[in-house]
Amino acid sequence: MKPLPDFDLPAGNREVRLRRRPQGVPLRTDFELAERPLEPLPAGRLRIRNLYLSVDPVQRGWAADPAATAIGATMPSLAVGIVIESRCDDFREGDIVYGRFGWQIYCDAAPADVFSRRRDPTLPLSLYAGVLGMPGVTAYLALADLAATRPGDLVLVSTAAGAVGSVVGQLLRNAGARPIGIAGDDEKVRRCVSQFGYESAFNYKTALLADAFAAAAPEGFSLYFDSVGGPILDLAIRHMARFGRIIQCGTAATASWTPPPSGLRNEREILMRRLSWTGFVIFDHLARFDAAVTALEAMVAGGTLRHDEELLVGLAAAPGALEHLFAGANHGKLLIDITRADSAP
């Protein structure tokens, strides 16, 4: 596959706007498609023709937060695109960029919106929104900063076949740890073991997780890399080894934080097991993003980091994409291919 796909340049912009505030997971009916003309590009901005739009759990929070997304605004998203016009000294036409560009054909972005840039990529561009984008960089930096694993450590990972978890498993295995995965169906469990470096994995919908955790780690897990929270976290925390660590990268199991939900009280487990529990948000580490992408590129090119992706086609596929994601129906990093602006879903 050649790195730069064929793409068109329509005369006007098409975008997905937030039509109403979602209640929980954003639904197709919470969005609407709209068109608007292209205006002259202001100084200090760059015009990007988006090619691959990302679909990420963080968008549920962006859609729910009036401070992040106003009703009628373009739905925020990460995306991979190509600079087609630049009024910034540091960017030139033809640069491949990844950043916060929104669910739309064109984005007039500020330099601060760009997370990574490549001038002559040799890998498929869609990867820069997945294994070489926020998911891969999250896995890479969170483990580097917070994991402190040793060879042989048993590590539990939620959403283990997902865009972040699939990278976490491989990085842990390459470091000599023993990752144990949690996934949402039997096919994802199979891929965890056959592709993503996991020693074993469990389908949380069918397995008795308490028994599975106890059998996998009789002395407890030294690390839990969690992207879901909720009941699985409540259970996992009771199977942590003393002085274990929890890396919290997401809370996908909780549909809404208004009002804040209450559940099991975990502070006794934190105290008696002497656990460390640290949140990791990739947007705190953007200064290190490009360097992490370079390291991950070498792994992908060298065949030591595998990846899966699922491509929806056409901007009209975007409104239903988050439903698809939160239902666990995707297999691999979920993206929307808009290289042809008039493509139908």
Protein backbone atom coordinates (compact mmCIF):
# COMPACT_ATOMS: atom_id res chain seq x y z
CA MET A 1 0.00 0.00 0.00
CA LYS A 2 1.49 3.35 -1.00
CA PRO A 3 1.70 5.85 1.87
CA LEU A 4 -0.24 8.69 0.21
CA PRO A 5 -3.64 7.59 -1.11
CA ASP A 6 -5.45 9.28 -3.97
CA PHE A 7 -7.76 12.01 -2.69
CA ASP A 8 -9.99 14.72 -4.12
CA LEU A 9 -10.28 18.44 -3.35
CA PRO A 10 -13.94 19.47 -3.24
CA ALA A 11 -14.77 23.16 -3.63
CA GLY A 12 -16.43 23.50 -0.21
CA ASN A 13 -16.21 21.92 3.21
CA ARG A 14 -18.47 19.19 4.55
CA GLU A 15 -18.59 18.52 8.29
CA VAL A 16 -20.36 16.60 11.02
CA ARG A 17 -21.94 18.92 13.60
CA LEU A 18 -23.23 18.16 17.08
CA ARG A 19 -27.00 18.52 16.81
CA ARG A 20 -27.92 17.82 20.44
CA ARG A 21 -26.17 16.95 23.69
CA PRO A 22 -25.80 13.14 24.00
CA GLN A 23 -27.14 11.22 26.96
CA GLY A 24 -24.39 8.66 27.45
CA VAL A 25 -22.92 7.18 24.27
CA PRO A 26 -23.37 9.60 21.34
CA LEU A 27 -25.96 8.29 18.89
CA ARG A 28 -26.26 8.79 15.14
CA THR A 29 -29.20 11.12 15.75
CA ASP A 30 -27.07 13.41 17.92
CA PHE A 31 -25.20 14.60 14.81
CA GLU A 32 -25.98 16.19 11.47
CA LEU A 33 -24.08 16.67 8.21
CA ALA A 34 -23.62 20.22 6.95
CA GLU A 35 -21.78 22.11 4.22
CA ARG A 36 -20.09 25.50 4.23
CA PRO A 37 -17.88 27.42 1.80
CA LEU A 38 -14.13 27.72 2.24
CA GLU A 39 -12.97 31.15 3.39
CA PRO A 40 -9.54 32.68 2.70
CA LEU A 41 -6.93 31.16 4.99
CA PRO A 42 -5.89 33.56 7.79
CA ALA A 43 -2.26 34.28 8.61
CA GLY A 44 -0.69 31.83 11.03
CA ARG A 45 -2.98 28.94 9.98
CA LEU A 46 -2.67 25.90 7.74
CA ARG A 47 -5.39 24.31 5.63
CA ILE A 48 -5.51 20.54 5.97
CA ARG A 49 -7.34 18.12 3.72
CA ASN A 50 -8.33 15.40 6.18
CA LEU A 51 -7.88 11.85 4.89
CA TYR A 52 -8.61 9.56 7.86
CA LEU A 53 -10.84 10.61 10.74
CA SER A 54 -10.33 8.92 14.09
CA VAL A 55 -13.09 7.47 16.28
CA ASP A 56 -12.01 7.47 19.93
CA PRO A 57 -13.62 6.95 23.36
CA VAL A 58 -12.55 10.45 24.42
CA GLN A 59 -15.09 11.89 21.96
CA ARG A 60 -17.91 10.83 24.27
CA GLY A 61 -16.55 13.28 26.83
CA TRP A 62 -16.01 16.00 24.24
CA ALA A 63 -19.61 15.65 23.01
CA ALA A 64 -20.99 15.73 26.56
CA ASP A 65 -19.05 18.83 27.65
CA PRO A 66 -20.48 22.21 26.54
CA ALA A 67 -17.06 23.77 27.13
CA ALA A 68 -15.51 21.35 24.62
CA THR A 69 -18.24 21.26 21.95
CA ALA A 70 -21.08 23.71 21.49
CA ILE A 71 -24.32 22.63 19.90
CA GLY A 72 -23.96 23.26 16.17
CA ALA A 73 -20.16 23.06 16.27
CA THR A 74 -18.01 20.68 14.23
CA MET A 75 -17.52 17.48 16.20
CA PRO A 76 -13.94 17.46 17.54
CA SER A 77 -11.78 14.52 16.57
CA LEU A 78 -8.26 13.50 15.82
CA ALA A 79 -7.41 12.97 12.17
CA VAL A 80 -4.63 12.41 9.66
CA GLY A 81 -4.43 14.83 6.75
CA ILE A 82 -2.21 16.62 4.27
CA VAL A 83 -1.38 20.33 4.31
CA ILE A 84 -2.69 21.88 1.09
CA GLU A 85 -2.05 25.52 2.01
CA SER A 86 0.17 27.02 4.68
CA ARG A 87 0.51 30.50 6.11
CA CYS A 88 2.86 29.22 8.83
CA ASP A 89 6.64 29.32 8.45
CA ASP A 90 7.09 25.87 10.05
CA PHE A 91 4.73 24.00 7.69
CA ARG A 92 4.70 23.51 3.95
CA GLU A 93 2.30 22.06 1.41
CA GLY A 94 2.49 18.29 1.31
CA ASP A 95 3.29 17.81 5.01
CA ILE A 96 1.41 14.84 6.50
CA VAL A 97 -0.01 15.87 9.86
CA TYR A 98 -1.95 14.29 12.71
CA GLY A 99 -3.84 16.27 15.28
CA ARG A 100 -7.14 17.70 16.48
CA PHE A 101 -8.78 18.54 13.14
CA GLY A 102 -12.45 17.55 13.58
CA TRP A 103 -14.91 15.40 11.68
CA GLN A 104 -14.76 17.37 8.43
CA ILE A 105 -13.17 17.36 4.98
CA TYR A 106 -11.04 20.48 5.53
CA CYS A 107 -9.61 21.96 8.70
CA ASP A 108 -8.05 25.42 9.07
CA ALA A 109 -5.74 24.57 11.96
CA ALA A 110 -3.31 26.36 14.22
CA PRO A 111 0.18 24.86 14.66
CA ALA A 112 -0.77 23.93 18.24
CA ASP A 113 -3.48 21.61 16.86
CA VAL A 114 -0.82 19.41 15.22
CA PHE A 115 0.55 16.54 17.32
CA SER A 116 2.91 14.97 14.77
CA ARG A 117 4.20 15.75 11.28
CA ARG A 118 5.86 13.63 8.60
CA ARG A 119 7.32 14.90 5.32
CA ASP A 120 8.17 11.62 3.60
CA PRO A 121 6.30 8.82 5.36
CA THR A 122 7.01 5.25 4.29
CA LEU A 123 4.15 3.65 6.24
CA PRO A 124 0.42 3.79 5.40
CA LEU A 125 -1.00 7.10 6.56
CA SER A 126 -3.95 5.57 8.43
CA LEU A 127 -1.48 4.13 10.96
CA TYR A 128 -0.71 7.65 12.18
CA ALA A 129 -4.16 7.77 13.78
CA GLY A 130 -3.75 4.36 15.44
CA VAL A 131 -0.61 2.49 16.36
CA LEU A 132 1.40 5.63 15.46
CA GLY A 133 -1.18 8.06 16.82
CA MET A 134 -2.83 8.75 20.17
CA PRO A 135 -3.47 5.07 21.04
CA GLY A 136 0.06 3.87 20.35
CA VAL A 137 1.72 6.90 21.92
CA THR A 138 -0.52 6.58 25.00
CA ALA A 139 0.58 2.97 25.46
CA TYR A 140 4.24 3.79 24.86
CA LEU A 141 4.52 6.81 27.17
CA ALA A 142 2.25 5.51 29.95
CA LEU A 143 4.29 2.32 30.22
CA ALA A 144 7.59 4.21 30.02
CA ASP A 145 6.57 6.67 32.75
CA LEU A 146 4.46 4.59 35.12
CA ALA A 147 4.75 0.82 34.61
CA ALA A 148 8.12 0.03 36.24
CA THR A 149 7.63 -3.61 35.28
CA ARG A 150 10.26 -6.28 35.72
CA PRO A 151 10.72 -9.45 33.67
CA GLY A 152 8.14 -12.00 34.71
CA ASP A 153 5.67 -9.50 36.21
CA LEU A 154 2.02 -10.41 35.71
CA VAL A 155 0.15 -7.45 34.21
CA LEU A 156 -3.61 -7.21 33.70
CA VAL A 157 -4.87 -5.10 30.77
CA SER A 158 -8.46 -4.12 30.00
CA THR A 159 -9.71 -3.59 26.41
CA ALA A 160 -6.70 -5.69 25.51
CA ALA A 161 -7.56 -6.03 21.81
CA GLY A 162 -8.35 -2.33 21.44
CA ALA A 163 -6.24 0.38 19.88
CA VAL A 164 -4.33 1.08 23.12
CA GLY A 165 -4.45 -2.37 24.68
CA SER A 166 -3.12 -4.14 21.60
CA VAL A 167 0.03 -1.99 21.77
CA VAL A 168 0.32 -2.33 25.56
CA GLY A 169 0.36 -6.12 25.33
CA GLN A 170 3.13 -6.20 22.76
CA LEU A 171 5.30 -3.63 24.54
CA LEU A 172 4.95 -5.51 27.82
CA ARG A 173 5.76 -8.86 26.25
CA ASN A 174 8.79 -7.39 24.47
CA ALA A 175 9.97 -6.11 27.88
CA GLY A 176 9.71 -9.59 29.41
CA ALA A 177 6.49 -9.07 31.38
CA ARG A 178 3.54 -11.50 31.26
CA PRO A 179 0.45 -9.58 30.08
CA ILE A 180 -3.03 -10.99 30.76
CA GLY A 181 -5.85 -9.47 28.72
CA ILE A 182 -9.54 -8.73 29.12
CA ALA A 183 -11.62 -8.40 25.93
CA GLY A 184 -15.27 -8.36 24.88
CA ASP A 185 -15.66 -11.38 22.60
CA ASP A 186 -13.98 -14.68 21.79
CA GLU A 187 -12.45 -13.45 18.53
CA LYS A 188 -10.80 -10.54 20.33
CA VAL A 189 -9.53 -12.93 23.00
CA ARG A 190 -7.99 -15.07 20.26
CA ARG A 191 -6.26 -12.06 18.69
CA CYS A 192 -4.91 -10.96 22.06
CA VAL A 193 -2.96 -14.23 22.30
CA SER A 194 -2.14 -14.83 18.63
CA GLN A 195 -1.24 -11.25 17.62
CA PHE A 196 -0.81 -8.92 20.55
CA GLY A 197 1.59 -10.66 22.91
CA TYR A 198 -0.79 -11.75 25.67
CA GLU A 199 0.00 -14.87 27.64
CA SER A 200 -3.73 -15.45 28.09
CA ALA A 201 -6.95 -13.47 27.82
CA PHE A 202 -10.54 -13.64 29.04
CA ASN A 203 -13.91 -12.71 27.60
CA TYR A 204 -15.42 -10.58 30.37
CA LYS A 205 -18.94 -11.29 29.08
CA THR A 206 -18.69 -15.05 29.56
CA ALA A 207 -15.81 -15.78 31.98
CA LEU A 208 -16.06 -15.83 35.76
CA LEU A 209 -13.47 -13.10 36.10
CA ALA A 210 -12.83 -13.55 39.82
CA ASP A 211 -11.89 -17.19 39.22
CA ALA A 212 -9.92 -16.31 36.08
CA PHE A 213 -7.92 -13.60 37.87
CA ALA A 214 -7.19 -15.85 40.83
CA ALA A 215 -5.99 -18.65 38.55
CA ALA A 216 -3.86 -16.36 36.37
CA ALA A 217 -2.24 -14.51 39.27
CA PRO A 218 -2.49 -16.41 42.58
CA GLU A 219 -0.19 -13.86 44.23
CA GLY A 220 -1.89 -10.93 42.50
CA PHE A 221 -1.08 -8.68 39.54
CA SER A 222 1.82 -6.27 39.87
CA LEU A 223 0.23 -3.82 37.40
CA TYR A 224 -3.23 -3.13 36.01
CA PHE A 225 -3.42 -1.01 32.84
CA ASP A 226 -7.04 0.07 32.79
CA SER A 227 -9.09 1.93 30.18
CA VAL A 228 -12.60 1.08 31.43
CA GLY A 229 -12.99 1.49 35.20
CA GLY A 230 -16.37 0.37 36.56
CA PRO A 231 -17.14 -3.13 37.85
CA ILE A 232 -14.09 -4.74 36.23
CA LEU A 233 -11.82 -2.29 38.05
CA ASP A 234 -13.69 -2.98 41.31
CA LEU A 235 -12.92 -6.66 40.85
CA ALA A 236 -9.37 -6.28 39.54
CA ILE A 237 -8.29 -4.08 42.43
CA ARG A 238 -9.02 -6.99 44.77
CA HIS A 239 -6.61 -9.17 42.79
CA MET A 240 -3.65 -6.78 42.92
CA ALA A 241 -0.39 -7.78 44.58
CA ARG A 242 0.88 -5.76 47.51
CA PHE A 243 2.69 -2.60 46.28
CA GLY A 244 1.03 -3.04 42.87
CA ARG A 245 0.34 -0.16 40.49
CA ILE A 246 -2.72 0.89 38.50
CA ILE A 247 -2.44 3.06 35.39
CA GLN A 248 -5.82 4.68 34.65
CA CYS A 249 -6.07 5.64 30.98
CA GLY A 250 -9.83 5.69 30.51
CA THR A 251 -13.26 5.17 32.06
CA ALA A 252 -15.24 3.69 29.16
CA ALA A 253 -17.49 1.56 31.39
CA THR A 254 -19.23 4.62 32.85
CA ALA A 255 -21.76 6.08 30.44
CA SER A 256 -22.17 9.42 32.23
CA TRP A 257 -20.45 11.34 35.02
CA THR A 258 -23.43 13.62 35.66
CA PRO A 259 -24.26 12.98 38.42
CA PRO A 260 -21.06 11.21 39.52
CA PRO A 261 -21.77 7.51 40.08
CA SER A 262 -20.97 5.82 43.37
CA GLY A 263 -19.90 2.20 43.70
CA LEU A 264 -17.73 -0.03 45.82
CA ARG A 265 -15.39 1.72 48.26
CA ASN A 266 -11.85 0.92 47.14
CA GLU A 267 -9.82 2.96 49.59
CA ARG A 268 -9.38 0.00 51.96
CA GLU A 269 -7.88 -2.04 49.11
CA ILE A 270 -5.54 0.84 48.23
CA LEU A 271 -4.43 1.09 51.85
CA MET A 272 -3.96 -2.57 52.75
CA ARG A 273 -2.36 -3.54 49.42
CA ARG A 274 -0.21 -0.36 49.42
CA LEU A 275 -1.25 0.34 45.83
CA SER A 276 -0.26 3.26 43.61
CA TRP A 277 -3.02 4.50 41.28
CA THR A 278 -2.09 7.11 38.67
CA GLY A 279 -4.05 8.71 35.86
CA PHE A 280 -2.46 9.19 32.47
CA VAL A 281 -3.81 11.67 29.89
CA ILE A 282 -1.88 11.87 26.63
CA PHE A 283 -2.65 15.58 26.14
CA ASP A 284 -0.29 16.33 29.05
CA HIS A 285 2.62 14.92 27.02
CA LEU A 286 2.31 16.46 23.56
CA ALA A 287 5.90 17.77 23.65
CA ARG A 288 7.05 14.13 23.57
CA PHE A 289 4.57 12.95 20.95
CA ASP A 290 6.79 13.14 17.84
CA ALA A 291 9.68 11.31 19.53
CA ALA A 292 7.34 8.52 20.62
CA VAL A 293 5.97 8.23 17.07
CA THR A 294 9.52 7.83 15.75
CA ALA A 295 10.19 4.98 18.19
CA LEU A 296 6.92 3.25 17.29
CA GLU A 297 7.57 3.67 13.55
CA ALA A 298 10.79 1.68 13.93
CA MET A 299 8.91 -1.14 15.68
CA VAL A 300 6.20 -1.28 13.01
CA ALA A 301 8.75 -1.19 10.18
CA GLY A 302 10.83 -3.87 11.90
CA GLY A 303 7.85 -6.20 12.35
CA THR A 304 7.89 -6.17 16.17
CA LEU A 305 4.65 -4.19 16.57
CA ARG A 306 1.48 -5.49 14.96
CA HIS A 307 -1.78 -3.64 14.49
CA ASP A 308 -5.37 -4.00 13.32
CA GLU A 309 -7.65 -1.33 11.91
CA GLU A 310 -11.22 -1.09 10.69
CA LEU A 311 -12.10 1.53 8.08
CA LEU A 312 -15.56 2.95 7.64
CA VAL A 313 -15.96 4.81 4.34
CA GLY A 314 -17.34 8.28 3.80
CA LEU A 315 -18.13 11.22 6.05
CA ALA A 316 -21.73 10.03 6.33
CA ALA A 317 -20.47 7.04 8.33
CA ALA A 318 -19.22 9.33 11.13
CA PRO A 319 -22.49 9.99 13.01
CA GLY A 320 -22.96 6.29 13.83
CA ALA A 321 -19.30 5.52 14.46
CA LEU A 322 -19.27 6.07 18.22
CA GLU A 323 -22.24 3.74 18.68
CA HIS A 324 -20.27 1.11 16.76
CA LEU A 325 -17.20 1.72 18.93
CA PHE A 326 -18.89 1.61 22.32
CA ALA A 327 -20.85 -1.50 21.36
CA GLY A 328 -17.48 -3.21 20.94
CA ALA A 329 -18.39 -4.08 17.36
CA ASN A 330 -15.15 -2.79 15.85
CA HIS A 331 -12.19 -5.06 15.21
CA GLY A 332 -9.09 -2.90 15.34
CA LYS A 333 -8.56 0.84 15.49
CA LEU A 334 -11.72 2.46 14.11
CA LEU A 335 -11.21 5.09 11.39
CA ILE A 336 -13.29 6.83 8.73
CA ASP A 337 -11.75 6.99 5.25
CA ILE A 338 -12.75 10.29 3.62
CA THR A 339 -10.15 10.36 0.87
CA ARG A 340 -13.06 10.61 -1.57
CA ALA A 341 -15.33 13.31 -0.23
CA ASP A 342 -18.42 12.00 -2.02
CA SER A 343 -18.07 8.39 -0.81
CA ALA A 344 -21.18 6.83 0.66
CA PRO A 345 -21.00 4.75 3.86
